[in-house]
């Protein structure tokens, strides 16, 4: 089996950078983030979801415009 290489990064003060080219991104910036909360100089695991109801959706509605007016103005 191959060897796993691990690295520890503690400084995320540059935050998330999705604009610049890979060779221009500083070491203290993230280029991708999944299930994370990015704050001022830190990255933390995002909290999970909480189930509020156990019933299923039984009806969906589609809102349309009538004669250029929004449905709420009709």
N, C-alpha and C. Protein backbone atom coordinates (compact mmCIF):
# COMPACT_ATOMS: atom_id res chain seq x y z
N UNK A 1 0.84 -1.19 0.00
CA UNK A 1 0.00 0.00 0.00
C UNK A 1 0.87 1.24 0.00
N UNK A 2 0.27 2.32 -0.54
CA UNK A 2 1.00 3.59 -0.60
C UNK A 2 0.99 4.30 0.74
N UNK A 3 1.87 5.25 0.86
CA UNK A 3 1.96 6.04 2.08
C UNK A 3 1.07 7.27 1.97
N UNK A 4 0.33 7.56 3.04
CA UNK A 4 -0.49 8.77 3.06
C UNK A 4 0.35 9.93 3.55
N UNK A 5 0.26 11.04 2.84
CA UNK A 5 0.95 12.26 3.26
C UNK A 5 -0.08 13.18 3.90
N UNK A 6 0.19 13.60 5.09
CA UNK A 6 -0.72 14.49 5.81
C UNK A 6 -0.03 15.82 6.08
N UNK A 7 -0.81 16.88 6.04
CA UNK A 7 -0.29 18.20 6.35
C UNK A 7 -1.29 18.90 7.26
N UNK A 8 -0.80 19.70 8.16
CA UNK A 8 -1.66 20.46 9.06
C UNK A 8 -1.54 21.93 8.72
N UNK A 9 -2.69 22.57 8.52
CA UNK A 9 -2.74 24.00 8.24
C UNK A 9 -3.56 24.65 9.33
N UNK A 10 -3.03 25.71 9.92
CA UNK A 10 -3.73 26.38 11.00
C UNK A 10 -4.11 27.83 10.67
N UNK A 11 -3.56 28.37 9.63
CA UNK A 11 -3.81 29.77 9.30
C UNK A 11 -4.67 29.86 8.05
N UNK A 12 -5.91 30.31 8.20
CA UNK A 12 -6.81 30.49 7.08
C UNK A 12 -7.24 31.96 7.00
N UNK A 13 -6.34 32.84 7.39
CA UNK A 13 -6.68 34.25 7.47
C UNK A 13 -7.03 34.88 6.13
N UNK A 14 -6.62 34.29 5.02
CA UNK A 14 -6.98 34.83 3.71
C UNK A 14 -8.36 34.38 3.26
N UNK A 15 -8.98 33.42 3.96
CA UNK A 15 -10.34 32.99 3.65
C UNK A 15 -10.42 32.15 2.39
N UNK A 16 -11.58 32.18 1.75
CA UNK A 16 -11.85 31.40 0.53
C UNK A 16 -11.52 32.24 -0.69
N UNK A 17 -10.72 31.69 -1.58
CA UNK A 17 -10.33 32.39 -2.80
C UNK A 17 -10.68 31.51 -4.00
N UNK A 18 -11.74 31.89 -4.71
CA UNK A 18 -12.15 31.13 -5.89
C UNK A 18 -11.96 31.94 -7.17
N UNK A 19 -11.30 33.11 -7.07
CA UNK A 19 -11.12 33.99 -8.22
C UNK A 19 -9.76 33.86 -8.88
N UNK A 20 -8.72 33.74 -8.09
CA UNK A 20 -7.36 33.82 -8.62
C UNK A 20 -6.88 32.49 -9.18
N UNK A 21 -5.87 32.56 -10.04
CA UNK A 21 -5.23 31.37 -10.59
C UNK A 21 -4.51 30.62 -9.47
N UNK A 22 -4.35 29.33 -9.63
CA UNK A 22 -3.77 28.48 -8.58
C UNK A 22 -2.39 28.96 -8.13
N UNK A 23 -1.58 29.46 -9.05
CA UNK A 23 -0.24 29.89 -8.67
C UNK A 23 -0.22 31.25 -7.97
N UNK A 24 -1.35 31.95 -7.90
CA UNK A 24 -1.43 33.24 -7.24
C UNK A 24 -2.09 33.19 -5.87
N UNK A 25 -2.61 32.03 -5.49
CA UNK A 25 -3.32 31.90 -4.22
C UNK A 25 -2.32 31.69 -3.10
N UNK A 26 -2.40 32.49 -2.04
CA UNK A 26 -1.45 32.34 -0.93
C UNK A 26 -1.71 31.06 -0.13
N UNK A 27 -0.73 30.64 0.64
CA UNK A 27 -0.85 29.40 1.41
C UNK A 27 -1.90 29.48 2.51
N UNK A 28 -2.26 30.66 2.93
CA UNK A 28 -3.25 30.80 4.00
C UNK A 28 -4.67 31.01 3.45
N UNK A 29 -4.91 30.57 2.21
CA UNK A 29 -6.23 30.69 1.60
C UNK A 29 -6.74 29.31 1.19
N UNK A 30 -8.05 29.18 1.19
CA UNK A 30 -8.68 27.94 0.72
C UNK A 30 -9.12 28.14 -0.72
N UNK A 31 -9.05 27.08 -1.51
CA UNK A 31 -9.55 27.15 -2.88
C UNK A 31 -10.86 26.39 -3.03
N UNK A 32 -11.18 25.56 -2.06
CA UNK A 32 -12.41 24.77 -2.09
C UNK A 32 -12.82 24.48 -0.66
N UNK A 33 -14.11 24.44 -0.44
CA UNK A 33 -14.61 24.17 0.90
C UNK A 33 -15.92 23.40 0.80
N UNK A 34 -16.07 22.40 1.63
CA UNK A 34 -17.29 21.60 1.63
C UNK A 34 -17.67 21.30 3.07
N UNK A 35 -18.92 21.58 3.43
CA UNK A 35 -19.42 21.36 4.79
C UNK A 35 -18.58 22.10 5.82
N UNK A 36 -18.24 23.34 5.52
CA UNK A 36 -17.41 24.14 6.42
C UNK A 36 -17.98 25.54 6.57
N UNK A 37 -17.68 26.16 7.69
CA UNK A 37 -18.03 27.55 7.94
C UNK A 37 -16.71 28.31 7.95
N UNK A 38 -16.61 29.33 7.14
CA UNK A 38 -15.38 30.10 7.04
C UNK A 38 -15.60 31.43 7.74
N UNK A 39 -14.81 31.68 8.77
CA UNK A 39 -14.92 32.92 9.52
C UNK A 39 -13.69 33.78 9.33
N UNK A 40 -13.53 34.76 10.15
CA UNK A 40 -12.40 35.66 10.08
C UNK A 40 -11.15 34.96 10.60
N UNK A 41 -10.44 34.27 9.72
CA UNK A 41 -9.20 33.59 10.10
C UNK A 41 -9.39 32.17 10.60
N UNK A 42 -10.56 31.59 10.44
CA UNK A 42 -10.74 30.20 10.89
C UNK A 42 -11.69 29.44 9.97
N UNK A 43 -11.61 28.14 10.04
CA UNK A 43 -12.52 27.25 9.33
C UNK A 43 -13.02 26.24 10.33
N UNK A 44 -14.33 26.01 10.36
CA UNK A 44 -14.92 25.07 11.31
C UNK A 44 -15.90 24.17 10.58
N UNK A 45 -16.13 23.00 11.14
CA UNK A 45 -17.09 22.05 10.57
C UNK A 45 -18.49 22.64 10.67
N UNK A 46 -19.24 22.55 9.58
CA UNK A 46 -20.61 23.06 9.55
C UNK A 46 -21.50 22.17 10.40
N UNK A 47 -22.43 22.78 11.11
CA UNK A 47 -23.39 22.01 11.89
C UNK A 47 -24.30 21.24 10.95
N UNK A 48 -24.87 20.16 11.44
CA UNK A 48 -25.76 19.36 10.62
C UNK A 48 -27.15 19.94 10.54
N UNK A 49 -28.02 19.24 9.86
CA UNK A 49 -29.40 19.65 9.73
C UNK A 49 -30.23 18.97 10.80
N UNK A 50 -31.32 19.59 11.15
CA UNK A 50 -32.23 19.05 12.14
C UNK A 50 -33.59 18.84 11.49
N UNK A 51 -34.20 17.69 11.70
CA UNK A 51 -35.49 17.41 11.10
C UNK A 51 -36.58 18.07 11.93
N UNK A 52 -37.42 18.87 11.27
CA UNK A 52 -38.49 19.58 11.97
C UNK A 52 -39.84 18.90 11.81
N UNK A 53 -40.04 18.15 10.74
CA UNK A 53 -41.33 17.49 10.51
C UNK A 53 -41.08 16.15 9.85
N UNK A 54 -41.98 15.24 10.08
CA UNK A 54 -41.82 13.91 9.49
C UNK A 54 -42.79 13.65 8.36
N UNK A 55 -43.69 14.61 8.07
CA UNK A 55 -44.67 14.39 7.01
C UNK A 55 -44.04 14.64 5.65
N UNK A 56 -44.62 14.03 4.63
CA UNK A 56 -44.12 14.19 3.28
C UNK A 56 -44.86 15.32 2.58
N UNK A 57 -44.25 15.88 1.54
CA UNK A 57 -44.90 16.91 0.74
C UNK A 57 -45.99 16.26 -0.08
N UNK A 58 -47.21 16.81 -0.01
CA UNK A 58 -48.32 16.22 -0.75
C UNK A 58 -48.78 17.09 -1.90
N UNK A 59 -48.37 18.37 -1.92
CA UNK A 59 -48.81 19.27 -2.97
C UNK A 59 -47.74 20.32 -3.21
N UNK A 60 -47.50 20.63 -4.47
CA UNK A 60 -46.60 21.73 -4.80
C UNK A 60 -47.38 22.74 -5.62
N UNK A 61 -47.03 24.00 -5.50
CA UNK A 61 -47.71 25.07 -6.21
C UNK A 61 -46.73 25.76 -7.14
N UNK A 62 -47.23 26.20 -8.28
CA UNK A 62 -46.44 26.95 -9.23
C UNK A 62 -47.03 28.34 -9.35
N UNK A 63 -46.23 29.36 -9.11
CA UNK A 63 -46.71 30.74 -9.20
C UNK A 63 -46.47 31.24 -10.60
N UNK A 64 -47.46 31.91 -11.14
CA UNK A 64 -47.37 32.43 -12.50
C UNK A 64 -47.70 33.91 -12.50
N UNK A 65 -47.39 34.56 -13.62
CA UNK A 65 -47.76 35.96 -13.79
C UNK A 65 -49.02 36.02 -14.66
N UNK A 66 -49.88 36.96 -14.36
CA UNK A 66 -51.11 37.14 -15.11
C UNK A 66 -51.11 38.53 -15.72
N UNK A 67 -51.02 38.60 -17.04
CA UNK A 67 -51.06 39.90 -17.73
C UNK A 67 -49.96 40.85 -17.27
N UNK A 68 -48.78 40.35 -16.96
CA UNK A 68 -47.66 41.19 -16.53
C UNK A 68 -47.66 41.52 -15.06
N UNK A 69 -48.68 41.05 -14.31
CA UNK A 69 -48.73 41.29 -12.87
C UNK A 69 -48.27 40.04 -12.12
N UNK A 70 -47.68 40.25 -11.00
CA UNK A 70 -47.29 39.13 -10.15
C UNK A 70 -48.54 38.52 -9.55
N UNK A 71 -48.46 37.26 -9.16
CA UNK A 71 -49.62 36.57 -8.59
C UNK A 71 -50.16 37.28 -7.37
N UNK A 72 -49.28 37.94 -6.59
CA UNK A 72 -49.73 38.60 -5.37
C UNK A 72 -50.49 39.89 -5.66
N UNK A 73 -50.35 40.43 -6.88
CA UNK A 73 -51.03 41.68 -7.24
C UNK A 73 -52.39 41.42 -7.88
N UNK A 74 -52.75 40.17 -8.15
CA UNK A 74 -54.00 39.84 -8.86
C UNK A 74 -55.15 39.87 -7.88
